[in-house]
Amino acid sequence: MSEATAPAEWFVYIIESNDCSLYTGITTDVKRRLQEHRAGKVGAKYFRGRAPLRVVYQESGHDRSSATRREIELKRLKRAQKLALIEHTGQ
């Protein structure tokens, strides 16, 4: 497979918002997605009334399918479990 037709690498990420809540999502470009959330027009509805502060966790090496499955796994975690994951990775 040539580089031009190689599938995109997907990331799973967690963003901390100004109310200390944690938002989990997937993207092919974490930096761009954070900017979209901050801009509000193409960001998640979750950030209406909240401000995304920073990416506190990200995983790479996924295809779209595995990123979606991992996103679901992370969303099912309790807050304390997410914080432990974030602390463990040192991000």
PDB file of N, CA and C in Angstrom:
ATOM      1  N   MET A   1       0.855  -1.178   0.000  1.00  0.00           N
ATOM      2  CA  MET A   1       0.000   0.000   0.000  1.00  0.00           C
ATOM      3  C   MET A   1       0.896   1.236   0.000  1.00  0.00           C
ATOM      4  N   SER A   2       0.667   2.152  -0.893  1.00  0.00           N
ATOM      5  CA  SER A   2       1.483   3.359  -0.953  1.00  0.00           C
ATOM      6  C   SER A   2       1.100   4.304   0.179  1.00  0.00           C
ATOM      7  N   GLU A   3       2.001   5.235   0.470  1.00  0.00           N
ATOM      8  CA  GLU A   3       1.750   6.191   1.540  1.00  0.00           C
ATOM      9  C   GLU A   3       0.521   7.041   1.264  1.00  0.00           C
ATOM     10  N   ALA A   4       0.251   7.344   0.013  1.00  0.00           N
ATOM     11  CA  ALA A   4      -0.898   8.180  -0.349  1.00  0.00           C
ATOM     12  C   ALA A   4      -2.216   7.484  -0.046  1.00  0.00           C
ATOM     13  N   THR A   5      -2.219   6.158  -0.074  1.00  0.00           N
ATOM     14  CA  THR A   5      -3.465   5.435   0.180  1.00  0.00           C
ATOM     15  C   THR A   5      -3.472   4.738   1.536  1.00  0.00           C
ATOM     16  N   ALA A   6      -2.440   4.963   2.338  1.00  0.00           N
ATOM     17  CA  ALA A   6      -2.383   4.349   3.659  1.00  0.00           C
ATOM     18  C   ALA A   6      -3.522   4.891   4.520  1.00  0.00           C
ATOM     19  N   PRO A   7      -4.136   4.020   5.310  1.00  0.00           N
ATOM     20  CA  PRO A   7      -5.216   4.494   6.185  1.00  0.00           C
ATOM     21  C   PRO A   7      -4.686   5.449   7.243  1.00  0.00           C
ATOM     22  N   ALA A   8      -5.519   6.377   7.644  1.00  0.00           N
ATOM     23  CA  ALA A   8      -5.120   7.376   8.639  1.00  0.00           C
ATOM     24  C   ALA A   8      -4.947   6.719  10.005  1.00  0.00           C
ATOM     25  N   GLU A   9      -4.025   7.253  10.777  1.00  0.00           N
ATOM     26  CA  GLU A   9      -3.867   6.813  12.159  1.00  0.00           C
ATOM     27  C   GLU A   9      -4.883   7.575  13.004  1.00  0.00           C
ATOM     28  N   TRP A  10      -5.582   6.862  13.851  1.00  0.00           N
ATOM     29  CA  TRP A  10      -6.595   7.461  14.721  1.00  0.00           C
ATOM     30  C   TRP A  10      -6.085   7.517  16.150  1.00  0.00           C
ATOM     31  N   PHE A  11      -6.522   8.525  16.864  1.00  0.00           N
ATOM     32  CA  PHE A  11      -6.151   8.750  18.256  1.00  0.00           C
ATOM     33  C   PHE A  11      -7.409   8.756  19.120  1.00  0.00           C
ATOM     34  N   VAL A  12      -7.261   8.290  20.341  1.00  0.00           N
ATOM     35  CA  VAL A  12      -8.278   8.432  21.375  1.00  0.00           C
ATOM     36  C   VAL A  12      -7.721   9.468  22.344  1.00  0.00           C
ATOM     37  N   TYR A  13      -8.546  10.416  22.756  1.00  0.00           N
ATOM     38  CA  TYR A  13      -8.043  11.488  23.614  1.00  0.00           C
ATOM     39  C   TYR A  13      -9.038  11.819  24.709  1.00  0.00           C
ATOM     40  N   ILE A  14      -8.512  12.423  25.771  1.00  0.00           N
ATOM     41  CA  ILE A  14      -9.340  12.943  26.856  1.00  0.00           C
ATOM     42  C   ILE A  14      -8.955  14.401  27.056  1.00  0.00           C
ATOM     43  N   ILE A  15      -9.961  15.256  27.101  1.00  0.00           N
ATOM     44  CA  ILE A  15      -9.763  16.693  27.332  1.00  0.00           C
ATOM     45  C   ILE A  15     -10.364  17.052  28.684  1.00  0.00           C
ATOM     46  N   GLU A  16      -9.605  17.837  29.449  1.00  0.00           N
ATOM     47  CA  GLU A  16     -10.116  18.395  30.698  1.00  0.00           C
ATOM     48  C   GLU A  16     -10.783  19.727  30.389  1.00  0.00           C
ATOM     49  N   SER A  17     -11.966  19.941  30.952  1.00  0.00           N
ATOM     50  CA  SER A  17     -12.658  21.207  30.714  1.00  0.00           C
ATOM     51  C   SER A  17     -12.563  22.096  31.955  1.00  0.00           C
ATOM     52  N   ASN A  18     -13.030  23.325  31.809  1.00  0.00           N
ATOM     53  CA  ASN A  18     -12.913  24.310  32.886  1.00  0.00           C
ATOM     54  C   ASN A  18     -13.740  23.961  34.125  1.00  0.00           C
ATOM     55  N   ASP A  19     -14.676  23.052  34.009  1.00  0.00           N
ATOM     56  CA  ASP A  19     -15.433  22.613  35.190  1.00  0.00           C
ATOM     57  C   ASP A  19     -14.852  21.320  35.762  1.00  0.00           C
ATOM     58  N   CYS A  20     -13.629  20.978  35.329  1.00  0.00           N
ATOM     59  CA  CYS A  20     -12.885  19.794  35.780  1.00  0.00           C
ATOM     60  C   CYS A  20     -13.469  18.478  35.270  1.00  0.00           C
ATOM     61  N   SER A  21     -14.425  18.532  34.374  1.00  0.00           N
ATOM     62  CA  SER A  21     -14.953  17.302  33.793  1.00  0.00           C
ATOM     63  C   SER A  21     -14.013  16.823  32.689  1.00  0.00           C
ATOM     64  N   LEU A  22     -14.194  15.566  32.296  1.00  0.00           N
ATOM     65  CA  LEU A  22     -13.334  14.940  31.300  1.00  0.00           C
ATOM     66  C   LEU A  22     -14.165  14.510  30.100  1.00  0.00           C
ATOM     67  N   TYR A  23     -13.721  14.907  28.912  1.00  0.00           N
ATOM     68  CA  TYR A  23     -14.399  14.570  27.665  1.00  0.00           C
ATOM     69  C   TYR A  23     -13.512  13.603  26.883  1.00  0.00           C
ATOM     70  N   THR A  24     -14.086  12.522  26.387  1.00  0.00           N
ATOM     71  CA  THR A  24     -13.344  11.525  25.620  1.00  0.00           C
ATOM     72  C   THR A  24     -13.822  11.534  24.178  1.00  0.00           C
ATOM     73  N   GLY A  25     -12.882  11.481  23.237  1.00  0.00           N
ATOM     74  CA  GLY A  25     -13.239  11.454  21.826  1.00  0.00           C
ATOM     75  C   GLY A  25     -12.165  10.780  20.986  1.00  0.00           C
ATOM     76  N   ILE A  26     -12.400  10.733  19.668  1.00  0.00           N
ATOM     77  CA  ILE A  26     -11.430  10.177  18.723  1.00  0.00           C
ATOM     78  C   ILE A  26     -11.224  11.156  17.574  1.00  0.00           C
ATOM     79  N   THR A  27     -10.059  11.084  16.957  1.00  0.00           N
ATOM     80  CA  THR A  27      -9.734  11.966  15.844  1.00  0.00           C
ATOM     81  C   THR A  27      -8.488  11.455  15.132  1.00  0.00           C
ATOM     82  N   THR A  28      -8.210  12.029  13.986  1.00  0.00           N
ATOM     83  CA  THR A  28      -6.947  11.752  13.298  1.00  0.00           C
ATOM     84  C   THR A  28      -5.916  12.835  13.599  1.00  0.00           C
ATOM     85  N   ASP A  29      -6.341  13.929  14.248  1.00  0.00           N
ATOM     86  CA  ASP A  29      -5.447  15.047  14.555  1.00  0.00           C
ATOM     87  C   ASP A  29      -5.895  15.685  15.874  1.00  0.00           C
ATOM     88  N   VAL A  30      -5.232  15.340  16.958  1.00  0.00           N
ATOM     89  CA  VAL A  30      -5.653  15.787  18.289  1.00  0.00           C
ATOM     90  C   VAL A  30      -5.548  17.305  18.430  1.00  0.00           C
ATOM     91  N   LYS A  31      -4.457  17.886  17.957  1.00  0.00           N
ATOM     92  CA  LYS A  31      -4.277  19.341  18.071  1.00  0.00           C
ATOM     93  C   LYS A  31      -5.396  20.092  17.338  1.00  0.00           C
ATOM     94  N   ARG A  32      -5.696  19.666  16.112  1.00  0.00           N
ATOM     95  CA  ARG A  32      -6.761  20.300  15.337  1.00  0.00           C
ATOM     96  C   ARG A  32      -8.105  20.143  16.034  1.00  0.00           C
ATOM     97  N   ARG A  33      -8.356  18.949  16.565  1.00  0.00           N
ATOM     98  CA  ARG A  33      -9.647  18.695  17.204  1.00  0.00           C
ATOM     99  C   ARG A  33      -9.830  19.555  18.451  1.00  0.00           C
ATOM    100  N   LEU A  34      -8.755  19.736  19.234  1.00  0.00           N
ATOM    101  CA  LEU A  34      -8.839  20.613  20.402  1.00  0.00           C
ATOM    102  C   LEU A  34      -9.201  22.028  19.967  1.00  0.00           C
ATOM    103  N   GLN A  35      -8.580  22.507  18.902  1.00  0.00           N
ATOM    104  CA  GLN A  35      -8.891  23.844  18.390  1.00  0.00           C
ATOM    105  C   GLN A  35     -10.348  23.927  17.924  1.00  0.00           C
ATOM    106  N   GLU A  36     -10.851  22.863  17.306  1.00  0.00           N
ATOM    107  CA  GLU A  36     -12.255  22.852  16.883  1.00  0.00           C
ATOM    108  C   GLU A  36     -13.186  22.918  18.085  1.00  0.00           C
ATOM    109  N   HIS A  37     -12.860  22.171  19.137  1.00  0.00           N
ATOM    110  CA  HIS A  37     -13.671  22.234  20.360  1.00  0.00           C
ATOM    111  C   HIS A  37     -13.648  23.644  20.936  1.00  0.00           C
ATOM    112  N   ARG A  38     -12.489  24.265  20.923  1.00  0.00           N
ATOM    113  CA  ARG A  38     -12.376  25.625  21.458  1.00  0.00           C
ATOM    114  C   ARG A  38     -13.145  26.628  20.620  1.00  0.00           C
ATOM    115  N   ALA A  39     -13.151  26.449  19.307  1.00  0.00           N
ATOM    116  CA  ALA A  39     -13.856  27.369  18.404  1.00  0.00           C
ATOM    117  C   ALA A  39     -15.370  27.226  18.543  1.00  0.00           C
ATOM    118  N   GLY A  40     -15.830  26.029  18.873  1.00  0.00           N
ATOM    119  CA  GLY A  40     -17.244  25.827  19.133  1.00  0.00           C
ATOM    120  C   GLY A  40     -18.110  25.453  17.960  1.00  0.00           C
ATOM    121  N   LYS A  41     -17.804  25.893  16.747  1.00  0.00           N
ATOM    122  CA  LYS A  41     -18.699  25.652  15.620  1.00  0.00           C
ATOM    123  C   LYS A  41     -18.719  24.189  15.180  1.00  0.00           C
ATOM    124  N   VAL A  42     -17.566  23.541  15.169  1.00  0.00           N
ATOM    125  CA  VAL A  42     -17.522  22.135  14.765  1.00  0.00           C
ATOM    126  C   VAL A  42     -17.089  21.238  15.921  1.00  0.00           C
ATOM    127  N   GLY A  43     -17.012  21.800  17.102  1.00  0.00           N
ATOM    128  CA  GLY A  43     -16.676  21.025  18.287  1.00  0.00           C
ATOM    129  C   GLY A  43     -17.891  20.282  18.818  1.00  0.00           C
ATOM    130  N   ALA A  44     -17.674  19.483  19.827  1.00  0.00           N
ATOM    131  CA  ALA A  44     -18.743  18.696  20.435  1.00  0.00           C
ATOM    132  C   ALA A  44     -19.727  19.590  21.195  1.00  0.00           C
ATOM    133  N   LYS A  45     -20.982  19.192  21.189  1.00  0.00           N
ATOM    134  CA  LYS A  45     -22.003  19.916  21.955  1.00  0.00           C
ATOM    135  C   LYS A  45     -21.665  19.926  23.445  1.00  0.00           C
ATOM    136  N   TYR A  46     -20.900  18.935  23.869  1.00  0.00           N
ATOM    137  CA  TYR A  46     -20.480  18.834  25.265  1.00  0.00           C
ATOM    138  C   TYR A  46     -19.849  20.138  25.747  1.00  0.00           C
ATOM    139  N   PHE A  47     -19.150  20.829  24.868  1.00  0.00           N
ATOM    140  CA  PHE A  47     -18.434  22.035  25.262  1.00  0.00           C
ATOM    141  C   PHE A  47     -19.260  23.304  25.164  1.00  0.00           C
ATOM    142  N   ARG A  48     -20.526  23.190  24.920  1.00  0.00           N
ATOM    143  CA  ARG A  48     -21.394  24.369  25.011  1.00  0.00           C
ATOM    144  C   ARG A  48     -21.641  24.620  26.500  1.00  0.00           C
ATOM    145  N   GLY A  49     -21.173  25.739  26.983  1.00  0.00           N
ATOM    146  CA  GLY A  49     -21.284  26.033  28.410  1.00  0.00           C
ATOM    147  C   GLY A  49     -20.064  25.602  29.194  1.00  0.00           C
ATOM    148  N   ARG A  50     -19.116  24.955  28.545  1.00  0.00           N
ATOM    149  CA  ARG A  50     -17.846  24.552  29.156  1.00  0.00           C
ATOM    150  C   ARG A  50     -16.734  24.976  28.213  1.00  0.00           C
ATOM    151  N   ALA A  51     -15.564  25.153  28.744  1.00  0.00           N
ATOM    152  CA  ALA A  51     -14.413  25.466  27.899  1.00  0.00           C
ATOM    153  C   ALA A  51     -13.399  24.320  27.978  1.00  0.00           C
ATOM    154  N   PRO A  52     -12.994  23.794  26.835  1.00  0.00           N
ATOM    155  CA  PRO A  52     -11.949  22.764  26.854  1.00  0.00           C
ATOM    156  C   PRO A  52     -10.611  23.413  27.193  1.00  0.00           C
ATOM    157  N   LEU A  53      -9.924  22.892  28.194  1.00  0.00           N
ATOM    158  CA  LEU A  53      -8.661  23.488  28.627  1.00  0.00           C
ATOM    159  C   LEU A  53      -7.453  22.859  27.953  1.00  0.00           C
ATOM    160  N   ARG A  54      -7.326  21.536  28.096  1.00  0.00           N
ATOM    161  CA  ARG A  54      -6.124  20.877  27.578  1.00  0.00           C
ATOM    162  C   ARG A  54      -6.364  19.394  27.382  1.00  0.00           C
ATOM    163  N   VAL A  55      -5.574  18.808  26.524  1.00  0.00           N
ATOM    164  CA  VAL A  55      -5.579  17.362  26.328  1.00  0.00           C
ATOM    165  C   VAL A  55      -4.773  16.768  27.478  1.00  0.00           C
ATOM    166  N   VAL A  56      -5.398  15.877  28.235  1.00  0.00           N
ATOM    167  CA  VAL A  56      -4.717  15.275  29.380  1.00  0.00           C
ATOM    168  C   VAL A  56      -4.316  13.829  29.110  1.00  0.00           C
ATOM    169  N   TYR A  57      -4.805  13.264  28.004  1.00  0.00           N
ATOM    170  CA  TYR A  57      -4.493  11.871  27.670  1.00  0.00           C
ATOM    171  C   TYR A  57      -4.706  11.657  26.190  1.00  0.00           C
ATOM    172  N   GLN A  58      -3.828  10.864  25.589  1.00  0.00           N
ATOM    173  CA  GLN A  58      -4.059  10.444  24.213  1.00  0.00           C
ATOM    174  C   GLN A  58      -3.363   9.124  23.945  1.00  0.00           C
ATOM    175  N   GLU A  59      -3.983   8.327  23.101  1.00  0.00           N
ATOM    176  CA  GLU A  59      -3.450   7.053  22.639  1.00  0.00           C
ATOM    177  C   GLU A  59      -3.359   7.111  21.128  1.00  0.00           C
ATOM    178  N   SER A  60      -2.296   6.565  20.587  1.00  0.00           N
ATOM    179  CA  SER A  60      -2.142   6.516  19.137  1.00  0.00           C
ATOM    180  C   SER A  60      -2.142   5.069  18.675  1.00  0.00           C
ATOM    181  N   GLY A  61      -2.012   4.887  17.365  1.00  0.00           N
ATOM    182  CA  GLY A  61      -1.868   3.552  16.809  1.00  0.00           C
ATOM    183  C   GLY A  61      -3.168   2.826  16.529  1.00  0.00           C
ATOM    184  N   HIS A  62      -4.255   3.561  16.462  1.00  0.00           N
ATOM    185  CA  HIS A  62      -5.553   2.947  16.206  1.00  0.00           C
ATOM    186  C   HIS A  62      -5.980   3.163  14.761  1.00  0.00           C
ATOM    187  N   ASP A  63      -6.828   2.244  14.270  1.00  0.00           N
ATOM    188  CA  ASP A  63      -7.609   2.539  13.073  1.00  0.00           C
ATOM    189  C   ASP A  63      -8.956   3.045  13.590  1.00  0.00           C
ATOM    190  N   ARG A  64      -9.835   3.458  12.696  1.00  0.00           N
ATOM    191  CA  ARG A  64     -11.102   4.052  13.164  1.00  0.00           C
ATOM    192  C   ARG A  64     -11.888   3.092  14.048  1.00  0.00           C
ATOM    193  N   SER A  65     -11.935   1.839  13.662  1.00  0.00           N
ATOM    194  CA  SER A  65     -12.700   0.845  14.400  1.00  0.00           C
ATOM    195  C   SER A  65     -12.148   0.640  15.809  1.00  0.00           C
ATOM    196  N   SER A  66     -10.849   0.443  15.932  1.00  0.00           N
ATOM    197  CA  SER A  66     -10.267   0.206  17.260  1.00  0.00           C
ATOM    198  C   SER A  66     -10.335   1.474  18.119  1.00  0.00           C
ATOM    199  N   ALA A  67     -10.224   2.639  17.499  1.00  0.00           N
ATOM    200  CA  ALA A  67     -10.346   3.896  18.250  1.00  0.00           C
ATOM    201  C   ALA A  67     -11.753   4.044  18.815  1.00  0.00           C
ATOM    202  N   THR A  68     -12.743   3.696  18.025  1.00  0.00           N
ATOM    203  CA  THR A  68     -14.132   3.786  18.493  1.00  0.00           C
ATOM    204  C   THR A  68     -14.378   2.814  19.643  1.00  0.00           C
ATOM    205  N   ARG A  69     -13.865   1.593  19.513  1.00  0.00           N
ATOM    206  CA  ARG A  69     -14.028   0.612  20.597  1.00  0.00           C
ATOM    207  C   ARG A  69     -13.344   1.099  21.871  1.00  0.00           C
ATOM    208  N   ARG A  70     -12.142   1.650  21.727  1.00  0.00           N
ATOM    209  CA  ARG A  70     -11.404   2.137  22.897  1.00  0.00           C
ATOM    210  C   ARG A  70     -12.091   3.354  23.527  1.00  0.00           C
ATOM    211  N   GLU A  71     -12.640   4.217  22.685  1.00  0.00           N
ATOM    212  CA  GLU A  71     -13.393   5.372  23.197  1.00  0.00           C
ATOM    213  C   GLU A  71     -14.549   4.895  24.072  1.00  0.00           C
ATOM    214  N   ILE A  72     -15.265   3.905  23.618  1.00  0.00           N
ATOM    215  CA  ILE A  72     -16.385   3.362  24.389  1.00  0.00           C
ATOM    216  C   ILE A  72     -15.895   2.789  25.718  1.00  0.00           C
ATOM    217  N   GLU A  73     -14.763   2.070  25.681  1.00  0.00           N
ATOM    218  CA  GLU A  73     -14.194   1.520  26.918  1.00  0.00           C
ATOM    219  C   GLU A  73     -13.878   2.640  27.905  1.00  0.00           C
ATOM    220  N   LEU A  74     -13.235   3.697  27.416  1.00  0.00           N
ATOM    221  CA  LEU A  74     -12.857   4.798  28.302  1.00  0.00           C
ATOM    222  C   LEU A  74     -14.075   5.534  28.837  1.00  0.00           C
ATOM    223  N   LYS A  75     -15.084   5.713  28.010  1.00  0.00           N
ATOM    224  CA  LYS A  75     -16.286   6.409  28.465  1.00  0.00           C
ATOM    225  C   LYS A  75     -17.013   5.627  29.553  1.00  0.00           C
ATOM    226  N   ARG A  76     -16.837   4.321  29.583  1.00  0.00           N
ATOM    227  CA  ARG A  76     -17.477   3.487  30.603  1.00  0.00           C
ATOM    228  C   ARG A  76     -16.749   3.522  31.941  1.00  0.00           C
ATOM    229  N   LEU A  77     -15.515   4.018  31.947  1.00  0.00           N
ATOM    230  CA  LEU A  77     -14.746   4.082  33.191  1.00  0.00           C
ATOM    231  C   LEU A  77     -15.322   5.139  34.125  1.00  0.00           C
ATOM    232  N   LYS A  78     -15.178   4.891  35.404  1.00  0.00           N
ATOM    233  CA  LYS A  78     -15.531   5.904  36.392  1.00  0.00           C
ATOM    234  C   LYS A  78     -14.457   6.992  36.371  1.00  0.00           C
ATOM    235  N   ARG A  79     -14.799   8.161  36.868  1.00  0.00           N
ATOM    236  CA  ARG A  79     -13.869   9.293  36.855  1.00  0.00           C
ATOM    237  C   ARG A  79     -12.535   8.932  37.517  1.00  0.00           C
ATOM    238  N   ALA A  80     -12.596   8.264  38.666  1.00  0.00           N
ATOM    239  CA  ALA A  80     -11.371   7.894  39.381  1.00  0.00           C
ATOM    240  C   ALA A  80     -10.486   6.992  38.519  1.00  0.00           C
ATOM    241  N   GLN A  81     -11.100   6.101  37.758  1.00  0.00           N
ATOM    242  CA  GLN A  81     -10.341   5.217  36.882  1.00  0.00           C
ATOM    243  C   GLN A  81      -9.687   6.012  35.742  1.00  0.00           C
ATOM    244  N   LYS A  82     -10.405   6.983  35.210  1.00  0.00           N
ATOM    245  CA  LYS A  82      -9.830   7.830  34.161  1.00  0.00           C
ATOM    246  C   LYS A  82      -8.655   8.635  34.700  1.00  0.00           C
ATOM    247  N   LEU A  83      -8.812   9.189  35.902  1.00  0.00           N
ATOM    248  CA  LEU A  83      -7.730   9.961  36.507  1.00  0.00           C
ATOM    249  C   LEU A  83      -6.504   9.092  36.767  1.00  0.00           C
ATOM    250  N   ALA A  84      -6.727   7.844  37.184  1.00  0.00           N
ATOM    251  CA  ALA A  84      -5.616   6.916  37.400  1.00  0.00           C
ATOM    252  C   ALA A  84      -4.905   6.624  36.077  1.00  0.00           C
ATOM    253  N   LEU A  85      -5.668   6.444  35.007  1.00  0.00           N
ATOM    254  CA  LEU A  85      -5.088   6.210  33.689  1.00  0.00           C
ATOM    255  C   LEU A  85      -4.245   7.395  33.248  1.00  0.00           C
ATOM    256  N   ILE A  86      -4.779   8.584  33.447  1.00  0.00           N
ATOM    257  CA  ILE A  86      -4.068   9.816  33.071  1.00  0.00           C
ATOM    258  C   ILE A  86      -2.781   9.935  33.880  1.00  0.00           C
ATOM    259  N   GLU A  87      -2.865   9.691  35.184  1.00  0.00           N
ATOM    260  CA  GLU A  87      -1.695   9.784  36.057  1.00  0.00           C
ATOM    261  C   GLU A  87      -0.654   8.735  35.705  1.00  0.00           C
ATOM    262  N   HIS A  88      -1.104   7.539  35.397  1.00  0.00           N
ATOM    263  CA  HIS A  88      -0.194   6.437  35.062  1.00  0.00           C
ATOM    264  C   HIS A  88       0.628   6.732  33.816  1.00  0.00           C
ATOM    265  N   THR A  89       0.025   7.406  32.842  1.00  0.00           N
ATOM    266  CA  THR A  89       0.735   7.707  31.599  1.00  0.00           C
ATOM    267  C   THR A  89       1.564   8.966  31.706  1.00  0.00           C
ATOM    268  N   GLY A  90       1.343   9.748  32.749  1.00  0.00           N
ATOM    269  CA  GLY A  90       2.144  10.951  32.965  1.00  0.00           C
ATOM    270  C   GLY A  90       1.884  12.069  31.987  1.00  0.00           C
ATOM    271  N   GLN A  91       0.713  12.121  31.389  1.00  0.00           N
ATOM    272  CA  GLN A  91       0.415  13.169  30.410  1.00  0.00           C
ATOM    273  C   GLN A  91      -0.184  14.381  31.042  1.00  0.00           C
TER     274      GLN A  91
END
